[in-house]
């Protein structure tokens, strides 16, 4: 295999891994922010009760 082709394949694999990592991080961060928002709303509803 030509070294240029191997370099392109490696760059492609790194690009796909980078995009996948970004998507996973974004998803997990959004999930944590939603859980925090739900906790805050729950605390707010209980604090209005007393």
PDB file of N, CA and C in Angstrom:
ATOM      1  N   UNK A   1       0.854  -1.167   0.000  1.00  0.00           N
ATOM      2  CA  UNK A   1       0.000   0.000   0.000  1.00  0.00           C
ATOM      3  C   UNK A   1       0.905   1.237   0.000  1.00  0.00           C
ATOM      4  N   UNK A   2       0.551   2.175  -0.782  1.00  0.00           N
ATOM      5  CA  UNK A   2       1.306   3.416  -0.885  1.00  0.00           C
ATOM      6  C   UNK A   2       1.186   4.211   0.419  1.00  0.00           C
ATOM      7  N   UNK A   3       2.242   4.866   0.830  1.00  0.00           N
ATOM      8  CA  UNK A   3       2.223   5.599   2.107  1.00  0.00           C
ATOM      9  C   UNK A   3       1.239   6.768   2.076  1.00  0.00           C
ATOM     10  N   UNK A   4       1.005   7.345   0.924  1.00  0.00           N
ATOM     11  CA  UNK A   4       0.031   8.443   0.828  1.00  0.00           C
ATOM     12  C   UNK A   4      -1.381   7.937   1.093  1.00  0.00           C
ATOM     13  N   UNK A   5      -1.691   6.753   0.556  1.00  0.00           N
ATOM     14  CA  UNK A   5      -3.012   6.163   0.775  1.00  0.00           C
ATOM     15  C   UNK A   5      -3.177   5.799   2.248  1.00  0.00           C
ATOM     16  N   UNK A   6      -2.137   5.250   2.840  1.00  0.00           N
ATOM     17  CA  UNK A   6      -2.196   4.899   4.254  1.00  0.00           C
ATOM     18  C   UNK A   6      -2.396   6.150   5.102  1.00  0.00           C
ATOM     19  N   UNK A   7      -1.749   7.237   4.734  1.00  0.00           N
ATOM     20  CA  UNK A   7      -1.920   8.492   5.464  1.00  0.00           C
ATOM     21  C   UNK A   7      -3.330   9.029   5.345  1.00  0.00           C
ATOM     22  N   UNK A   8      -3.908   8.921   4.163  1.00  0.00           N
ATOM     23  CA  UNK A   8      -5.291   9.370   3.969  1.00  0.00           C
ATOM     24  C   UNK A   8      -6.275   8.527   4.766  1.00  0.00           C
ATOM     25  N   UNK A   9      -6.039   7.230   4.789  1.00  0.00           N
ATOM     26  CA  UNK A   9      -6.916   6.343   5.565  1.00  0.00           C
ATOM     27  C   UNK A   9      -6.812   6.680   7.052  1.00  0.00           C
ATOM     28  N   UNK A  10      -5.598   6.886   7.523  1.00  0.00           N
ATOM     29  CA  UNK A  10      -5.415   7.248   8.924  1.00  0.00           C
ATOM     30  C   UNK A  10      -6.071   8.574   9.268  1.00  0.00           C
ATOM     31  N   UNK A  11      -5.956   9.547   8.381  1.00  0.00           N
ATOM     32  CA  UNK A  11      -6.580  10.849   8.606  1.00  0.00           C
ATOM     33  C   UNK A  11      -8.099  10.719   8.625  1.00  0.00           C
ATOM     34  N   UNK A  12      -8.623   9.874   7.747  1.00  0.00           N
ATOM     35  CA  UNK A  12     -10.070   9.648   7.723  1.00  0.00           C
ATOM     36  C   UNK A  12     -10.573   9.004   8.993  1.00  0.00           C
ATOM     37  N   UNK A  13      -9.824   8.031   9.486  1.00  0.00           N
ATOM     38  CA  UNK A  13     -10.211   7.364  10.731  1.00  0.00           C
ATOM     39  C   UNK A  13     -10.165   8.351  11.891  1.00  0.00           C
ATOM     40  N   UNK A  14      -9.129   9.186  11.943  1.00  0.00           N
ATOM     41  CA  UNK A  14      -9.033  10.190  13.011  1.00  0.00           C
ATOM     42  C   UNK A  14     -10.171  11.200  12.923  1.00  0.00           C
ATOM     43  N   UNK A  15     -10.554  11.588  11.719  1.00  0.00           N
ATOM     44  CA  UNK A  15     -11.646  12.542  11.541  1.00  0.00           C
ATOM     45  C   UNK A  15     -12.969  11.956  12.040  1.00  0.00           C
ATOM     46  N   UNK A  16     -13.235  10.708  11.673  1.00  0.00           N
ATOM     47  CA  UNK A  16     -14.473  10.055  12.113  1.00  0.00           C
ATOM     48  C   UNK A  16     -14.478   9.897  13.629  1.00  0.00           C
ATOM     49  N   UNK A  17     -13.350   9.527  14.207  1.00  0.00           N
ATOM     50  CA  UNK A  17     -13.271   9.377  15.662  1.00  0.00           C
ATOM     51  C   UNK A  17     -13.467  10.724  16.352  1.00  0.00           C
ATOM     52  N   UNK A  18     -12.923  11.784  15.789  1.00  0.00           N
ATOM     53  CA  UNK A  18     -13.098  13.114  16.372  1.00  0.00           C
ATOM     54  C   UNK A  18     -14.538  13.566  16.334  1.00  0.00           C
ATOM     55  N   UNK A  19     -15.198  13.341  15.216  1.00  0.00           N
ATOM     56  CA  UNK A  19     -16.612  13.720  15.093  1.00  0.00           C
ATOM     57  C   UNK A  19     -17.460  12.898  16.049  1.00  0.00           C
ATOM     58  N   UNK A  20     -17.204  11.608  16.142  1.00  0.00           N
ATOM     59  CA  UNK A  20     -17.963  10.749  17.056  1.00  0.00           C
ATOM     60  C   UNK A  20     -17.753  11.183  18.498  1.00  0.00           C
ATOM     61  N   UNK A  21     -16.526  11.512  18.858  1.00  0.00           N
ATOM     62  CA  UNK A  21     -16.252  11.976  20.215  1.00  0.00           C
ATOM     63  C   UNK A  21     -16.985  13.257  20.534  1.00  0.00           C
ATOM     64  N   UNK A  22     -17.038  14.168  19.577  1.00  0.00           N
ATOM     65  CA  UNK A  22     -17.754  15.426  19.769  1.00  0.00           C
ATOM     66  C   UNK A  22     -19.247  15.185  19.955  1.00  0.00           C
ATOM     67  N   UNK A  23     -19.810  14.319  19.135  1.00  0.00           N
ATOM     68  CA  UNK A  23     -21.241  14.032  19.245  1.00  0.00           C
ATOM     69  C   UNK A  23     -21.581  13.372  20.580  1.00  0.00           C
ATOM     70  N   UNK A  24     -20.767  12.436  21.010  1.00  0.00           N
ATOM     71  CA  UNK A  24     -21.007  11.755  22.289  1.00  0.00           C
ATOM     72  C   UNK A  24     -20.896  12.741  23.438  1.00  0.00           C
ATOM     73  N   UNK A  25     -19.889  13.600  23.409  1.00  0.00           N
ATOM     74  CA  UNK A  25     -19.709  14.592  24.469  1.00  0.00           C
ATOM     75  C   UNK A  25     -20.886  15.546  24.523  1.00  0.00           C
ATOM     76  N   UNK A  26     -21.342  15.999  23.372  1.00  0.00           N
ATOM     77  CA  UNK A  26     -22.483  16.917  23.315  1.00  0.00           C
ATOM     78  C   UNK A  26     -23.735  16.259  23.869  1.00  0.00           C
ATOM     79  N   UNK A  27     -23.969  15.008  23.505  1.00  0.00           N
ATOM     80  CA  UNK A  27     -25.139  14.278  24.000  1.00  0.00           C
ATOM     81  C   UNK A  27     -25.090  14.121  25.515  1.00  0.00           C
ATOM     82  N   UNK A  28     -23.942  13.715  26.039  1.00  0.00           N
ATOM     83  CA  UNK A  28     -23.828  13.510  27.485  1.00  0.00           C
ATOM     84  C   UNK A  28     -23.963  14.819  28.251  1.00  0.00           C
ATOM     85  N   UNK A  29     -23.413  15.901  27.716  1.00  0.00           N
ATOM     86  CA  UNK A  29     -23.519  17.195  28.371  1.00  0.00           C
ATOM     87  C   UNK A  29     -24.977  17.667  28.390  1.00  0.00           C
ATOM     88  N   UNK A  30     -25.691  17.496  27.292  1.00  0.00           N
ATOM     89  CA  UNK A  30     -27.100  17.889  27.236  1.00  0.00           C
ATOM     90  C   UNK A  30     -27.926  17.076  28.226  1.00  0.00           C
ATOM     91  N   UNK A  31     -27.603  15.803  28.357  1.00  0.00           N
ATOM     92  CA  UNK A  31     -28.319  14.943  29.302  1.00  0.00           C
ATOM     93  C   UNK A  31     -28.089  15.411  30.734  1.00  0.00           C
ATOM     94  N   UNK A  32     -26.837  15.746  31.077  1.00  0.00           N
ATOM     95  CA  UNK A  32     -26.534  16.227  32.426  1.00  0.00           C
ATOM     96  C   UNK A  32     -27.208  17.567  32.704  1.00  0.00           C
ATOM     97  N   UNK A  33     -27.233  18.458  31.718  1.00  0.00           N
ATOM     98  CA  UNK A  33     -27.879  19.750  31.907  1.00  0.00           C
ATOM     99  C   UNK A  33     -29.377  19.591  32.112  1.00  0.00           C
ATOM    100  N   UNK A  34     -29.989  18.651  31.402  1.00  0.00           N
ATOM    101  CA  UNK A  34     -31.425  18.407  31.592  1.00  0.00           C
ATOM    102  C   UNK A  34     -31.696  17.849  32.985  1.00  0.00           C
ATOM    103  N   UNK A  35     -30.871  16.921  33.446  1.00  0.00           N
ATOM    104  CA  UNK A  35     -31.057  16.381  34.792  1.00  0.00           C
ATOM    105  C   UNK A  35     -30.889  17.471  35.849  1.00  0.00           C
ATOM    106  N   UNK A  36     -29.940  18.359  35.664  1.00  0.00           N
ATOM    107  CA  UNK A  36     -29.741  19.470  36.597  1.00  0.00           C
ATOM    108  C   UNK A  36     -30.955  20.388  36.573  1.00  0.00           C
ATOM    109  N   UNK A  37     -31.487  20.674  35.395  1.00  0.00           N
ATOM    110  CA  UNK A  37     -32.661  21.520  35.278  1.00  0.00           C
ATOM    111  C   UNK A  37     -33.850  20.886  36.004  1.00  0.00           C
ATOM    112  N   UNK A  38     -34.023  19.564  35.846  1.00  0.00           N
ATOM    113  CA  UNK A  38     -35.113  18.871  36.534  1.00  0.00           C
ATOM    114  C   UNK A  38     -34.942  18.933  38.049  1.00  0.00           C
ATOM    115  N   UNK A  39     -33.692  18.750  38.535  1.00  0.00           N
ATOM    116  CA  UNK A  39     -33.439  18.855  39.977  1.00  0.00           C
ATOM    117  C   UNK A  39     -33.766  20.251  40.477  1.00  0.00           C
ATOM    118  N   UNK A  40     -33.333  21.268  39.745  1.00  0.00           N
ATOM    119  CA  UNK A  40     -33.606  22.642  40.152  1.00  0.00           C
ATOM    120  C   UNK A  40     -35.101  22.928  40.194  1.00  0.00           C
ATOM    121  N   UNK A  41     -35.837  22.431  39.223  1.00  0.00           N
ATOM    122  CA  UNK A  41     -37.293  22.624  39.208  1.00  0.00           C
ATOM    123  C   UNK A  41     -37.945  21.903  40.374  1.00  0.00           C
ATOM    124  N   UNK A  42     -37.443  20.732  40.710  1.00  0.00           N
ATOM    125  CA  UNK A  42     -37.996  19.988  41.840  1.00  0.00           C
ATOM    126  C   UNK A  42     -37.744  20.740  43.146  1.00  0.00           C
ATOM    127  N   UNK A  43     -36.535  21.259  43.309  1.00  0.00           N
ATOM    128  CA  UNK A  43     -36.208  22.038  44.501  1.00  0.00           C
ATOM    129  C   UNK A  43     -37.080  23.285  44.553  1.00  0.00           C
ATOM    130  N   UNK A  44     -37.257  23.925  43.425  1.00  0.00           N
ATOM    131  CA  UNK A  44     -38.099  25.133  43.369  1.00  0.00           C
ATOM    132  C   UNK A  44     -39.535  24.825  43.747  1.00  0.00           C
ATOM    133  N   UNK A  45     -40.057  23.720  43.277  1.00  0.00           N
ATOM    134  CA  UNK A  45     -41.455  23.378  43.587  1.00  0.00           C
ATOM    135  C   UNK A  45     -41.620  23.051  45.068  1.00  0.00           C
ATOM    136  N   UNK A  46     -40.640  22.383  45.668  1.00  0.00           N
ATOM    137  CA  UNK A  46     -40.724  22.078  47.084  1.00  0.00           C
ATOM    138  C   UNK A  46     -40.511  23.330  47.928  1.00  0.00           C
ATOM    139  N   UNK A  47     -39.660  24.239  47.503  1.00  0.00           N
ATOM    140  CA  UNK A  47     -39.429  25.450  48.286  1.00  0.00           C
ATOM    141  C   UNK A  47     -40.639  26.369  48.239  1.00  0.00           C
ATOM    142  N   UNK A  48     -41.402  26.320  47.167  1.00  0.00           N
ATOM    143  CA  UNK A  48     -42.650  27.101  47.109  1.00  0.00           C
ATOM    144  C   UNK A  48     -43.739  26.480  47.971  1.00  0.00           C
ATOM    145  N   UNK A  49     -43.625  25.225  48.266  1.00  0.00           N
ATOM    146  CA  UNK A  49     -44.646  24.522  49.060  1.00  0.00           C
ATOM    147  C   UNK A  49     -44.613  24.937  50.517  1.00  0.00           C
ATOM    148  N   UNK A  50     -43.398  25.138  51.056  1.00  0.00           N
ATOM    149  CA  UNK A  50     -43.278  25.457  52.481  1.00  0.00           C
ATOM    150  C   UNK A  50     -43.431  26.917  52.743  1.00  0.00           C
TER     151      UNK A  50
END
